[in-house]
Amino acid sequence: MTHRFATPDGAALDWPATFGRRFVVTIDTEEEFDWSSPGASDDYDVTAVAALPAMHERLRAHGVSPIYMVDYVVASNEAAAATIRDLLARDPATAIGAQLHSWVTPPLGSGARVETFAGNLPREVEAAKLDRLIAMIERTLGRRPCIFRAGRYGVGPHTFHTLASRGFRIDASMRARFDYAREGGPDFVAVGPGAFTLGDGALVELPLSTIYTGLLRAHGAWLHPLLGRVPKARGAFSRTKLLSRVPLTPEGTPVGEAVCAIEQAAADGERLLQLTFHSPSLVPGHTPYVRDARGLARFHAWWDDVLPALGRCGYAPVALGEVIDALDDMRAVGPAGLEPAT
């Protein structure tokens, strides 16, 4: 069954005026694997983690303290964990999150593709995997995470209750405006880019930022899914600047589109943006987005243009601790729902 999610009516966060416009950078800190077939092998490397310190310094030069969304394979690898501990020691504002790759986190299942979306698992199995992940992160990194991401964005009907019961404050799994139903995953088409409360407000959803741009952007919520049913229609609308769906990531998003999306987000009044990428993209050949040295150069150039653009639009970097402090001071407007829309 496809789990469909939507931003609940009246659940948008009323950030304190002093919070301003802010952005966070989350890094999916994970093993290298075959993106065309996740879960198909148990032979994983974590060599790309060694490239994180250099990227960390690039981000710190712009005042960014990233959030490392660490999965079980990375946390359980002695060398990888040591690299991350060193980053934490260098920059106290740097934070650790938990990223659940269900196909590599005990207790292991059948390896079926549908199980790579952890939200499809039975409640008790998803919870057991999460507990093993938390325990490993605490043991090797010395931190208890309060922000979570489901690998492959795979949240389900029980995920949020499970997170809240374990003291998590933020879920950052929903990829706004994207639909993974054809792969057996969740549907986030009706999720907007803004943060919102879940349930009684103990847990907040911080979607991965995706912005509609173009002349028809006001109709993006219904028009973009419709265009997906017509071959090449989305590309045609994007090229003619009628409608584009722009995720804020260097992985697959041209820098010009990203800058345009940031400008549009500012015009729309978005207060908190989440930019993200996967750690294996820091080494050519590990992801579809960075295949060679030229691809890596483009990856770094993207940040060289996007980070100043954020500043020009009034967005300042914010550390996870500051976000949590703001959540403690803020109020949510209206009720929110914890369960999927269907």
C-alpha atoms as a PDB file:
ATOM      1  CA  MET A   1       0.000   0.000   0.000  1.00  0.00           C
ATOM      2  CA  THR A   2       1.262   3.449  -0.876  1.00  0.00           C
ATOM      3  CA  HIS A   3       1.477   5.825   2.058  1.00  0.00           C
ATOM      4  CA  ARG A   4       0.404   9.306   0.971  1.00  0.00           C
ATOM      5  CA  PHE A   5       1.357  12.283   3.093  1.00  0.00           C
ATOM      6  CA  ALA A   6       0.204  15.883   3.069  1.00  0.00           C
ATOM      7  CA  THR A   7       1.024  19.033   4.972  1.00  0.00           C
ATOM      8  CA  PRO A   8      -1.816  19.132   7.524  1.00  0.00           C
ATOM      9  CA  ASP A   9      -4.097  22.156   7.424  1.00  0.00           C
ATOM     10  CA  GLY A  10      -3.100  24.701  10.018  1.00  0.00           C
ATOM     11  CA  ALA A  11       0.096  22.903  11.042  1.00  0.00           C
ATOM     12  CA  ALA A  12       2.633  25.341   9.608  1.00  0.00           C
ATOM     13  CA  LEU A  13       5.197  26.495  12.127  1.00  0.00           C
ATOM     14  CA  ASP A  14       5.031  30.061  13.391  1.00  0.00           C
ATOM     15  CA  TRP A  15       8.759  30.685  13.730  1.00  0.00           C
ATOM     16  CA  PRO A  16       9.781  33.441  16.154  1.00  0.00           C
ATOM     17  CA  ALA A  17      10.410  36.768  14.438  1.00  0.00           C
ATOM     18  CA  THR A  18      13.974  36.698  15.714  1.00  0.00           C
ATOM     19  CA  PHE A  19      14.602  33.461  13.817  1.00  0.00           C
ATOM     20  CA  GLY A  20      14.658  35.294  10.498  1.00  0.00           C
ATOM     21  CA  ARG A  21      15.339  33.323   7.320  1.00  0.00           C
ATOM     22  CA  ARG A  22      17.604  30.371   7.893  1.00  0.00           C
ATOM     23  CA  PHE A  23      18.912  27.250   6.171  1.00  0.00           C
ATOM     24  CA  VAL A  24      20.403  23.945   7.248  1.00  0.00           C
ATOM     25  CA  VAL A  25      22.617  21.515   5.347  1.00  0.00           C
ATOM     26  CA  THR A  26      22.033  17.831   5.996  1.00  0.00           C
ATOM     27  CA  ILE A  27      24.427  15.191   4.701  1.00  0.00           C
ATOM     28  CA  ASP A  28      23.261  11.612   4.233  1.00  0.00           C
ATOM     29  CA  THR A  29      26.366  10.001   5.719  1.00  0.00           C
ATOM     30  CA  GLU A  30      26.212   6.499   4.357  1.00  0.00           C
ATOM     31  CA  GLU A  31      27.927   3.601   2.658  1.00  0.00           C
ATOM     32  CA  GLU A  32      28.548   3.350  -1.064  1.00  0.00           C
ATOM     33  CA  PHE A  33      26.016   1.048  -2.721  1.00  0.00           C
ATOM     34  CA  ASP A  34      24.422   0.280  -6.063  1.00  0.00           C
ATOM     35  CA  TRP A  35      21.794   2.982  -6.501  1.00  0.00           C
ATOM     36  CA  SER A  36      20.033   0.960  -9.176  1.00  0.00           C
ATOM     37  CA  SER A  37      19.481  -1.899  -6.752  1.00  0.00           C
ATOM     38  CA  PRO A  38      19.637  -0.921  -3.072  1.00  0.00           C
ATOM     39  CA  GLY A  39      19.663  -3.902  -0.770  1.00  0.00           C
ATOM     40  CA  ALA A  40      20.965  -6.256  -3.444  1.00  0.00           C
ATOM     41  CA  SER A  41      24.332  -6.824  -1.759  1.00  0.00           C
ATOM     42  CA  ASP A  42      25.830  -7.013   1.725  1.00  0.00           C
ATOM     43  CA  ASP A  43      29.279  -5.899   0.550  1.00  0.00           C
ATOM     44  CA  TYR A  44      29.540  -2.197   1.373  1.00  0.00           C
ATOM     45  CA  ASP A  45      32.408   0.272   1.629  1.00  0.00           C
ATOM     46  CA  VAL A  46      32.508   3.586   3.477  1.00  0.00           C
ATOM     47  CA  THR A  47      35.586   5.048   1.811  1.00  0.00           C
ATOM     48  CA  ALA A  48      33.848   8.292   0.824  1.00  0.00           C
ATOM     49  CA  VAL A  49      33.530   9.272   4.479  1.00  0.00           C
ATOM     50  CA  ALA A  50      37.224  10.184   4.320  1.00  0.00           C
ATOM     51  CA  ALA A  51      36.263  13.065   2.000  1.00  0.00           C
ATOM     52  CA  LEU A  52      33.960  14.651   4.575  1.00  0.00           C
ATOM     53  CA  PRO A  53      36.579  16.740   6.443  1.00  0.00           C
ATOM     54  CA  ALA A  54      37.485  18.739   3.328  1.00  0.00           C
ATOM     55  CA  MET A  55      33.807  19.362   2.546  1.00  0.00           C
ATOM     56  CA  HIS A  56      33.193  20.254   6.169  1.00  0.00           C
ATOM     57  CA  GLU A  57      35.804  22.993   5.953  1.00  0.00           C
ATOM     58  CA  ARG A  58      34.260  24.317   2.720  1.00  0.00           C
ATOM     59  CA  LEU A  59      30.921  24.632   4.480  1.00  0.00           C
ATOM     60  CA  ARG A  60      32.394  26.070   7.676  1.00  0.00           C
ATOM     61  CA  ALA A  61      34.015  28.823   5.601  1.00  0.00           C
ATOM     62  CA  HIS A  62      30.446  30.013   4.950  1.00  0.00           C
ATOM     63  CA  GLY A  63      29.350  29.605   8.566  1.00  0.00           C
ATOM     64  CA  VAL A  64      27.563  26.291   7.978  1.00  0.00           C
ATOM     65  CA  SER A  65      27.626  23.633  10.703  1.00  0.00           C
ATOM     66  CA  PRO A  66      26.244  20.606   8.842  1.00  0.00           C
ATOM     67  CA  ILE A  67      24.035  17.870  10.230  1.00  0.00           C
ATOM     68  CA  TYR A  68      25.469  14.404   9.541  1.00  0.00           C
ATOM     69  CA  MET A  69      22.624  11.922   9.070  1.00  0.00           C
ATOM     70  CA  VAL A  70      24.583   8.795   9.979  1.00  0.00           C
ATOM     71  CA  ASP A  71      23.473   5.287   9.090  1.00  0.00           C
ATOM     72  CA  TYR A  72      24.315   1.966  10.734  1.00  0.00           C
ATOM     73  CA  VAL A  73      27.130   0.932   8.393  1.00  0.00           C
ATOM     74  CA  VAL A  74      28.990   4.206   8.923  1.00  0.00           C
ATOM     75  CA  ALA A  75      28.423   4.295  12.681  1.00  0.00           C
ATOM     76  CA  SER A  76      29.635   0.712  13.064  1.00  0.00           C
ATOM     77  CA  ASN A  77      32.805   1.236  11.008  1.00  0.00           C
ATOM     78  CA  GLU A  78      35.731   2.164  13.242  1.00  0.00           C
ATOM     79  CA  ALA A  79      37.534   4.399  10.742  1.00  0.00           C
ATOM     80  CA  ALA A  80      34.377   6.166   9.574  1.00  0.00           C
ATOM     81  CA  ALA A  81      33.196   6.772  13.126  1.00  0.00           C
ATOM     82  CA  ALA A  82      36.609   8.188  14.039  1.00  0.00           C
ATOM     83  CA  THR A  83      36.397  10.655  11.143  1.00  0.00           C
ATOM     84  CA  ILE A  84      33.016  11.878  12.295  1.00  0.00           C
ATOM     85  CA  ARG A  85      34.087  12.138  15.935  1.00  0.00           C
ATOM     86  CA  ASP A  86      36.926  14.364  14.799  1.00  0.00           C
ATOM     87  CA  LEU A  87      34.475  16.629  12.953  1.00  0.00           C
ATOM     88  CA  LEU A  88      32.344  16.883  16.080  1.00  0.00           C
ATOM     89  CA  ALA A  89      35.381  17.830  18.117  1.00  0.00           C
ATOM     90  CA  ARG A  90      36.382  20.538  15.625  1.00  0.00           C
ATOM     91  CA  ASP A  91      32.980  22.201  15.518  1.00  0.00           C
ATOM     92  CA  PRO A  92      30.743  21.893  18.593  1.00  0.00           C
ATOM     93  CA  ALA A  93      27.737  23.151  16.592  1.00  0.00           C
ATOM     94  CA  THR A  94      27.956  20.209  14.198  1.00  0.00           C
ATOM     95  CA  ALA A  95      25.166  17.720  14.841  1.00  0.00           C
ATOM     96  CA  ILE A  96      24.469  14.042  14.359  1.00  0.00           C
ATOM     97  CA  GLY A  97      21.221  12.651  13.024  1.00  0.00           C
ATOM     98  CA  ALA A  98      20.071   9.071  12.571  1.00  0.00           C
ATOM     99  CA  GLN A  99      19.479   7.763   9.058  1.00  0.00           C
ATOM    100  CA  LEU A 100      17.782   4.387   8.828  1.00  0.00           C
ATOM    101  CA  HIS A 101      18.871   2.287   5.858  1.00  0.00           C
ATOM    102  CA  SER A 102      16.634  -0.662   6.563  1.00  0.00           C
ATOM    103  CA  TRP A 103      18.520  -3.033   4.261  1.00  0.00           C
ATOM    104  CA  VAL A 104      21.756  -2.808   6.268  1.00  0.00           C
ATOM    105  CA  THR A 105      20.417  -2.276   9.798  1.00  0.00           C
ATOM    106  CA  PRO A 106      19.777  -5.311  12.024  1.00  0.00           C
ATOM    107  CA  PRO A 107      17.570  -7.192  12.357  1.00  0.00           C
ATOM    108  CA  LEU A 108      17.957  -7.882   8.642  1.00  0.00           C
ATOM    109  CA  GLY A 109      14.986  -9.009   6.577  1.00  0.00           C
ATOM    110  CA  SER A 110      14.437 -10.683   3.241  1.00  0.00           C
ATOM    111  CA  GLY A 111      16.154  -7.998   1.178  1.00  0.00           C
ATOM    112  CA  ALA A 112      13.000  -7.394  -0.863  1.00  0.00           C
ATOM    113  CA  ARG A 113      13.023  -4.034  -2.602  1.00  0.00           C
ATOM    114  CA  VAL A 114       9.814  -2.924  -0.915  1.00  0.00           C
ATOM    115  CA  GLU A 115      11.544  -3.386   2.457  1.00  0.00           C
ATOM    116  CA  THR A 116      14.167  -0.781   1.579  1.00  0.00           C
ATOM    117  CA  PHE A 117      11.440   1.687   2.555  1.00  0.00           C
ATOM    118  CA  ALA A 118      11.460   1.133   6.314  1.00  0.00           C
ATOM    119  CA  GLY A 119       7.937   2.490   6.664  1.00  0.00           C
ATOM    120  CA  ASN A 120       6.650  -0.592   4.844  1.00  0.00           C
ATOM    121  CA  LEU A 121       7.945  -2.857   7.597  1.00  0.00           C
ATOM    122  CA  PRO A 122       5.821  -4.042  10.519  1.00  0.00           C
ATOM    123  CA  ARG A 123       5.824  -1.559  13.373  1.00  0.00           C
ATOM    124  CA  GLU A 124       7.914  -3.743  15.675  1.00  0.00           C
ATOM    125  CA  VAL A 125      10.554  -4.441  13.004  1.00  0.00           C
ATOM    126  CA  GLU A 126      10.941  -0.774  12.094  1.00  0.00           C
ATOM    127  CA  ALA A 127      11.235   0.067  15.801  1.00  0.00           C
ATOM    128  CA  ALA A 128      13.821  -2.656  16.410  1.00  0.00           C
ATOM    129  CA  LYS A 129      15.977  -1.356  13.571  1.00  0.00           C
ATOM    130  CA  LEU A 130      15.723   2.182  14.868  1.00  0.00           C
ATOM    131  CA  ASP A 131      16.747   1.081  18.347  1.00  0.00           C
ATOM    132  CA  ARG A 132      19.792  -0.739  16.986  1.00  0.00           C
ATOM    133  CA  LEU A 133      20.762   2.346  14.980  1.00  0.00           C
ATOM    134  CA  ILE A 134      20.403   4.695  17.966  1.00  0.00           C
ATOM    135  CA  ALA A 135      22.424   2.383  20.172  1.00  0.00           C
ATOM    136  CA  MET A 136      25.241   2.146  17.615  1.00  0.00           C
ATOM    137  CA  ILE A 137      25.398   5.914  17.148  1.00  0.00           C
ATOM    138  CA  GLU A 138      25.486   6.461  20.892  1.00  0.00           C
ATOM    139  CA  ARG A 139      28.212   3.851  21.362  1.00  0.00           C
ATOM    140  CA  THR A 140      30.569   4.971  18.587  1.00  0.00           C
ATOM    141  CA  LEU A 141      29.836   8.704  18.280  1.00  0.00           C
ATOM    142  CA  GLY A 142      28.840   9.556  21.832  1.00  0.00           C
ATOM    143  CA  ARG A 143      25.686  11.422  20.811  1.00  0.00           C
ATOM    144  CA  ARG A 144      21.993  10.586  21.002  1.00  0.00           C
ATOM    145  CA  PRO A 145      20.393  11.908  17.813  1.00  0.00           C
ATOM    146  CA  CYS A 146      17.265  14.038  17.927  1.00  0.00           C
ATOM    147  CA  ILE A 147      16.752  14.375  14.145  1.00  0.00           C
ATOM    148  CA  PHE A 148      15.876  11.456  11.870  1.00  0.00           C
ATOM    149  CA  ARG A 149      15.826  10.547   8.213  1.00  0.00           C
ATOM    150  CA  ALA A 150      14.434   7.394   6.667  1.00  0.00           C
ATOM    151  CA  GLY A 151      16.648   6.036   3.913  1.00  0.00           C
ATOM    152  CA  ARG A 152      14.991   6.411   0.513  1.00  0.00           C
ATOM    153  CA  TYR A 153      12.642   8.861   2.331  1.00  0.00           C
ATOM    154  CA  GLY A 154      10.755   5.745   3.421  1.00  0.00           C
ATOM    155  CA  VAL A 155       8.556   6.841   6.306  1.00  0.00           C
ATOM    156  CA  GLY A 156       5.340   4.962   6.952  1.00  0.00           C
ATOM    157  CA  PRO A 157       2.215   4.925   9.122  1.00  0.00           C
ATOM    158  CA  HIS A 158       4.054   4.024  12.338  1.00  0.00           C
ATOM    159  CA  THR A 159       7.278   5.972  11.911  1.00  0.00           C
ATOM    160  CA  PHE A 160       6.332   9.175  13.703  1.00  0.00           C
ATOM    161  CA  HIS A 161       4.901   7.514  16.814  1.00  0.00           C
ATOM    162  CA  THR A 162       8.074   5.453  17.033  1.00  0.00           C
ATOM    163  CA  LEU A 163      10.305   8.513  16.694  1.00  0.00           C
ATOM    164  CA  ALA A 164       8.372  10.579  19.233  1.00  0.00           C
ATOM    165  CA  SER A 165       8.453   7.771  21.783  1.00  0.00           C
ATOM    166  CA  ARG A 166      12.250   7.738  21.552  1.00  0.00           C
ATOM    167  CA  GLY A 167      12.697  11.434  22.084  1.00  0.00           C
ATOM    168  CA  PHE A 168      13.288  12.612  18.518  1.00  0.00           C
ATOM    169  CA  ARG A 169      12.362  16.241  17.905  1.00  0.00           C
ATOM    170  CA  ILE A 170      12.594  16.487  14.110  1.00  0.00           C
ATOM    171  CA  ASP A 171      11.878  14.172  11.208  1.00  0.00           C
ATOM    172  CA  ALA A 172      13.621  15.225   7.990  1.00  0.00           C
ATOM    173  CA  SER A 173      12.470  12.386   5.739  1.00  0.00           C
ATOM    174  CA  MET A 174       9.777  13.869   3.536  1.00  0.00           C
ATOM    175  CA  ARG A 175      10.992  14.998   0.131  1.00  0.00           C
ATOM    176  CA  ALA A 176       8.463  17.685  -0.666  1.00  0.00           C
ATOM    177  CA  ARG A 177       6.602  17.358  -4.000  1.00  0.00           C
ATOM    178  CA  PHE A 178       8.089  13.921  -4.874  1.00  0.00           C
ATOM    179  CA  ASP A 179       6.279  10.601  -5.330  1.00  0.00           C
ATOM    180  CA  TYR A 180       7.939   7.192  -4.861  1.00  0.00           C
ATOM    181  CA  ALA A 181       4.762   5.121  -5.115  1.00  0.00           C
ATOM    182  CA  ARG A 182       5.848   3.315  -8.283  1.00  0.00           C
ATOM    183  CA  GLU A 183       8.807   1.892  -6.363  1.00  0.00           C
ATOM    184  CA  GLY A 184       6.665   0.911  -3.389  1.00  0.00           C
ATOM    185  CA  GLY A 185       7.577   4.018  -1.411  1.00  0.00           C
ATOM    186  CA  PRO A 186       5.658   7.009  -0.052  1.00  0.00           C
ATOM    187  CA  ASP A 187       3.963   9.840  -1.919  1.00  0.00           C
ATOM    188  CA  PHE A 188       4.880  13.394  -0.831  1.00  0.00           C
ATOM    189  CA  VAL A 189       3.263  15.311  -3.711  1.00  0.00           C
ATOM    190  CA  ALA A 190       0.944  17.094  -1.274  1.00  0.00           C
ATOM    191  CA  VAL A 191       3.771  18.018   1.114  1.00  0.00           C
ATOM    192  CA  GLY A 192       4.965  21.607   0.815  1.00  0.00           C
ATOM    193  CA  PRO A 193       8.456  22.918   1.558  1.00  0.00           C
ATOM    194  CA  GLY A 194       7.634  24.477   4.926  1.00  0.00           C
ATOM    195  CA  ALA A 195       8.160  22.831   8.313  1.00  0.00           C
ATOM    196  CA  PHE A 196       5.058  21.656  10.179  1.00  0.00           C
ATOM    197  CA  THR A 197       4.061  19.931  13.387  1.00  0.00           C
ATOM    198  CA  LEU A 198       3.156  16.278  13.679  1.00  0.00           C
ATOM    199  CA  GLY A 199       0.664  15.035  16.228  1.00  0.00           C
ATOM    200  CA  ASP A 200       0.746  16.983  19.482  1.00  0.00           C
ATOM    201  CA  GLY A 201       3.743  19.037  18.376  1.00  0.00           C
ATOM    202  CA  ALA A 202       6.384  16.941  20.096  1.00  0.00           C
ATOM    203  CA  LEU A 203       7.719  16.041  16.640  1.00  0.00           C
ATOM    204  CA  VAL A 204       8.266  18.453  13.747  1.00  0.00           C
ATOM    205  CA  GLU A 205       8.603  17.618  10.072  1.00  0.00           C
ATOM    206  CA  LEU A 206      11.332  19.486   8.209  1.00  0.00           C
ATOM    207  CA  PRO A 207      10.866  18.512   4.556  1.00  0.00           C
ATOM    208  CA  LEU A 208      13.725  18.454   2.101  1.00  0.00           C
ATOM    209  CA  SER A 209      13.181  21.738   0.306  1.00  0.00           C
ATOM    210  CA  THR A 210      11.636  21.608  -3.151  1.00  0.00           C
ATOM    211  CA  ILE A 211      10.355  24.786  -4.772  1.00  0.00           C
ATOM    212  CA  TYR A 212       8.102  25.249  -7.793  1.00  0.00           C
ATOM    213  CA  THR A 213       9.326  27.968 -10.168  1.00  0.00           C
ATOM    214  CA  GLY A 214       8.009  29.334 -13.464  1.00  0.00           C
ATOM    215  CA  LEU A 215       5.005  31.244 -14.745  1.00  0.00           C
ATOM    216  CA  LEU A 216       2.621  28.457 -13.717  1.00  0.00           C
ATOM    217  CA  ARG A 217       4.226  27.770 -10.360  1.00  0.00           C
ATOM    218  CA  ALA A 218       1.025  28.626  -8.481  1.00  0.00           C
ATOM    219  CA  HIS A 219      -0.545  25.566 -10.103  1.00  0.00           C
ATOM    220  CA  GLY A 220       2.446  23.290  -9.510  1.00  0.00           C
ATOM    221  CA  ALA A 221       0.792  21.132  -6.851  1.00  0.00           C
ATOM    222  CA  TRP A 222      -1.682  19.671  -9.348  1.00  0.00           C
ATOM    223  CA  LEU A 223      -0.062  20.510 -12.684  1.00  0.00           C
ATOM    224  CA  HIS A 224       3.380  18.974 -12.160  1.00  0.00           C
ATOM    225  CA  PRO A 225       1.990  15.505 -11.254  1.00  0.00           C
ATOM    226  CA  LEU A 226      -0.322  15.722 -14.277  1.00  0.00           C
ATOM    227  CA  LEU A 227       2.587  16.560 -16.599  1.00  0.00           C
ATOM    228  CA  GLY A 228       4.330  13.434 -15.375  1.00  0.00           C
ATOM    229  CA  ARG A 229       1.750  11.355 -17.214  1.00  0.00           C
ATOM    230  CA  VAL A 230       2.724  12.864 -20.568  1.00  0.00           C
ATOM    231  CA  PRO A 231       6.103  11.878 -22.054  1.00  0.00           C
ATOM    232  CA  LYS A 232       8.625  14.756 -22.013  1.00  0.00           C
ATOM    233  CA  ALA A 233       5.997  17.249 -20.831  1.00  0.00           C
ATOM    234  CA  ARG A 234       7.840  18.174 -17.654  1.00  0.00           C
ATOM    235  CA  GLY A 235      11.021  18.859 -19.584  1.00  0.00           C
ATOM    236  CA  ALA A 236       9.196  21.024 -22.089  1.00  0.00           C
ATOM    237  CA  PHE A 237       7.517  23.084 -19.376  1.00  0.00           C
ATOM    238  CA  SER A 238      10.835  23.496 -17.580  1.00  0.00           C
ATOM    239  CA  ARG A 239      12.746  24.596 -20.692  1.00  0.00           C
ATOM    240  CA  THR A 240      10.087  27.180 -21.510  1.00  0.00           C
ATOM    241  CA  LYS A 241      10.117  28.449 -17.911  1.00  0.00           C
ATOM    242  CA  LEU A 242       6.487  27.596 -17.388  1.00  0.00           C
ATOM    243  CA  LEU A 243       6.970  25.192 -14.491  1.00  0.00           C
ATOM    244  CA  SER A 244       9.908  23.495 -12.802  1.00  0.00           C
ATOM    245  CA  ARG A 245      10.163  21.414  -9.653  1.00  0.00           C
ATOM    246  CA  VAL A 246      13.496  22.335  -8.076  1.00  0.00           C
ATOM    247  CA  PRO A 247      14.966  20.381  -5.156  1.00  0.00           C
ATOM    248  CA  LEU A 248      17.693  22.230  -3.266  1.00  0.00           C
ATOM    249  CA  THR A 249      20.539  19.787  -3.759  1.00  0.00           C
ATOM    250  CA  PRO A 250      23.680  19.781  -5.916  1.00  0.00           C
ATOM    251  CA  GLU A 251      22.718  16.280  -7.017  1.00  0.00           C
ATOM    252  CA  GLY A 252      20.924  16.720 -10.302  1.00  0.00           C
ATOM    253  CA  THR A 253      19.827  20.335  -9.853  1.00  0.00           C
ATOM    254  CA  PRO A 254      21.538  22.898 -12.119  1.00  0.00           C
ATOM    255  CA  VAL A 255      22.939  25.803 -10.167  1.00  0.00           C
ATOM    256  CA  GLY A 256      20.911  28.409 -12.069  1.00  0.00           C
ATOM    257  CA  GLU A 257      17.675  26.618 -11.206  1.00  0.00           C
ATOM    258  CA  ALA A 258      18.712  26.329  -7.571  1.00  0.00           C
ATOM    259  CA  VAL A 259      19.425  30.064  -7.317  1.00  0.00           C
ATOM    260  CA  CYS A 260      16.082  30.861  -8.958  1.00  0.00           C
ATOM    261  CA  ALA A 261      14.331  28.525  -6.505  1.00  0.00           C
ATOM    262  CA  ILE A 262      15.995  30.196  -3.518  1.00  0.00           C
ATOM    263  CA  GLU A 263      14.862  33.594  -4.762  1.00  0.00           C
ATOM    264  CA  GLN A 264      11.348  32.244  -5.189  1.00  0.00           C
ATOM    265  CA  ALA A 265      11.388  30.687  -1.716  1.00  0.00           C
ATOM    266  CA  ALA A 266      12.314  34.061  -0.249  1.00  0.00           C
ATOM    267  CA  ALA A 267       9.497  35.735  -2.180  1.00  0.00           C
ATOM    268  CA  ASP A 268       7.104  33.059  -0.904  1.00  0.00           C
ATOM    269  CA  GLY A 269       8.099  33.740   2.675  1.00  0.00           C
ATOM    270  CA  GLU A 270       9.729  30.388   3.380  1.00  0.00           C
ATOM    271  CA  ARG A 271      11.573  30.740   6.675  1.00  0.00           C
ATOM    272  CA  LEU A 272      13.693  27.585   6.883  1.00  0.00           C
ATOM    273  CA  LEU A 273      15.235  25.728   3.950  1.00  0.00           C
ATOM    274  CA  GLN A 274      16.926  22.334   3.997  1.00  0.00           C
ATOM    275  CA  LEU A 275      19.705  21.657   1.496  1.00  0.00           C
ATOM    276  CA  THR A 276      21.089  18.153   1.296  1.00  0.00           C
ATOM    277  CA  PHE A 277      23.364  15.667  -0.458  1.00  0.00           C
ATOM    278  CA  HIS A 278      24.766  12.152  -0.029  1.00  0.00           C
ATOM    279  CA  SER A 279      28.296  11.677   1.280  1.00  0.00           C
ATOM    280  CA  PRO A 280      29.298   9.214  -1.493  1.00  0.00           C
ATOM    281  CA  SER A 281      28.886  12.056  -4.002  1.00  0.00           C
ATOM    282  CA  LEU A 282      32.116  13.517  -2.615  1.00  0.00           C
ATOM    283  CA  VAL A 283      34.079  10.834  -4.477  1.00  0.00           C
ATOM    284  CA  PRO A 284      33.547  10.288  -8.228  1.00  0.00           C
ATOM    285  CA  GLY A 285      31.877   7.066  -9.283  1.00  0.00           C
ATOM    286  CA  HIS A 286      29.749   6.331  -6.244  1.00  0.00           C
ATOM    287  CA  THR A 287      26.493   8.094  -7.169  1.00  0.00           C
ATOM    288  CA  PRO A 288      24.758   8.911 -10.461  1.00  0.00           C
ATOM    289  CA  TYR A 289      25.364  12.598  -9.770  1.00  0.00           C
ATOM    290  CA  VAL A 290      29.167  12.635  -9.584  1.00  0.00           C
ATOM    291  CA  ARG A 291      30.608  10.159 -12.064  1.00  0.00           C
ATOM    292  CA  ASP A 292      34.014  11.725 -12.716  1.00  0.00           C
ATOM    293  CA  ALA A 293      36.355  14.594 -11.813  1.00  0.00           C
ATOM    294  CA  ARG A 294      34.350  17.069 -13.900  1.00  0.00           C
ATOM    295  CA  GLY A 295      31.217  16.063 -12.070  1.00  0.00           C
ATOM    296  CA  LEU A 296      32.930  16.633  -8.737  1.00  0.00           C
ATOM    297  CA  ALA A 297      34.102  20.062  -9.885  1.00  0.00           C
ATOM    298  CA  ARG A 298      30.506  20.947 -10.786  1.00  0.00           C
ATOM    299  CA  PHE A 299      29.372  19.677  -7.387  1.00  0.00           C
ATOM    300  CA  HIS A 300      31.738  22.038  -5.567  1.00  0.00           C
ATOM    301  CA  ALA A 301      31.023  24.931  -7.936  1.00  0.00           C
ATOM    302  CA  TRP A 302      27.324  24.528  -7.123  1.00  0.00           C
ATOM    303  CA  TRP A 303      28.007  25.366  -3.495  1.00  0.00           C
ATOM    304  CA  ASP A 304      30.287  28.246  -4.476  1.00  0.00           C
ATOM    305  CA  ASP A 305      27.305  29.888  -6.203  1.00  0.00           C
ATOM    306  CA  VAL A 306      24.402  28.716  -4.024  1.00  0.00           C
ATOM    307  CA  LEU A 307      25.761  29.655  -0.608  1.00  0.00           C
ATOM    308  CA  PRO A 308      26.286  33.327  -1.568  1.00  0.00           C
ATOM    309  CA  ALA A 309      22.855  33.328  -3.232  1.00  0.00           C
ATOM    310  CA  LEU A 310      21.297  32.234   0.052  1.00  0.00           C
ATOM    311  CA  GLY A 311      22.979  35.166   1.764  1.00  0.00           C
ATOM    312  CA  ARG A 312      21.775  37.636  -0.851  1.00  0.00           C
ATOM    313  CA  CYS A 313      18.226  36.416  -0.258  1.00  0.00           C
ATOM    314  CA  GLY A 314      18.537  36.886   3.486  1.00  0.00           C
ATOM    315  CA  TYR A 315      19.039  33.244   4.452  1.00  0.00           C
ATOM    316  CA  ALA A 316      21.640  32.662   7.161  1.00  0.00           C
ATOM    317  CA  PRO A 317      22.988  29.263   8.210  1.00  0.00           C
ATOM    318  CA  VAL A 318      21.566  27.783  11.387  1.00  0.00           C
ATOM    319  CA  ALA A 319      22.881  24.937  13.516  1.00  0.00           C
ATOM    320  CA  LEU A 320      20.575  22.159  14.676  1.00  0.00           C
ATOM    321  CA  GLY A 321      20.851  23.306  18.284  1.00  0.00           C
ATOM    322  CA  GLU A 322      19.529  26.733  17.312  1.00  0.00           C
ATOM    323  CA  VAL A 323      16.600  25.130  15.487  1.00  0.00           C
ATOM    324  CA  ILE A 324      15.725  23.107  18.581  1.00  0.00           C
ATOM    325  CA  ASP A 325      15.934  26.259  20.710  1.00  0.00           C
ATOM    326  CA  ALA A 326      13.578  28.026  18.307  1.00  0.00           C
ATOM    327  CA  LEU A 327      11.154  25.105  18.434  1.00  0.00           C
ATOM    328  CA  ASP A 328      11.061  25.390  22.193  1.00  0.00           C
ATOM    329  CA  ASP A 329      10.121  29.071  21.898  1.00  0.00           C
ATOM    330  CA  MET A 330       7.682  28.845  19.041  1.00  0.00           C
ATOM    331  CA  ARG A 331       4.053  28.018  18.727  1.00  0.00           C
ATOM    332  CA  ALA A 332       2.318  25.985  16.063  1.00  0.00           C
ATOM    333  CA  VAL A 333      -0.798  27.346  14.426  1.00  0.00           C
ATOM    334  CA  GLY A 334      -3.747  24.968  14.607  1.00  0.00           C
ATOM    335  CA  PRO A 335      -3.999  21.182  14.742  1.00  0.00           C
ATOM    336  CA  ALA A 336      -1.823  18.670  12.969  1.00  0.00           C
ATOM    337  CA  GLY A 337      -2.189  15.081  11.950  1.00  0.00           C
ATOM    338  CA  LEU A 338       0.235  12.268  12.647  1.00  0.00           C
ATOM    339  CA  GLU A 339      -0.998   9.669  10.220  1.00  0.00           C
ATOM    340  CA  PRO A 340      -0.723   9.528   6.406  1.00  0.00           C
ATOM    341  CA  ALA A 341      -3.492  11.142   4.408  1.00  0.00           C
ATOM    342  CA  THR A 342      -4.559   7.688   3.185  1.00  0.00           C
END
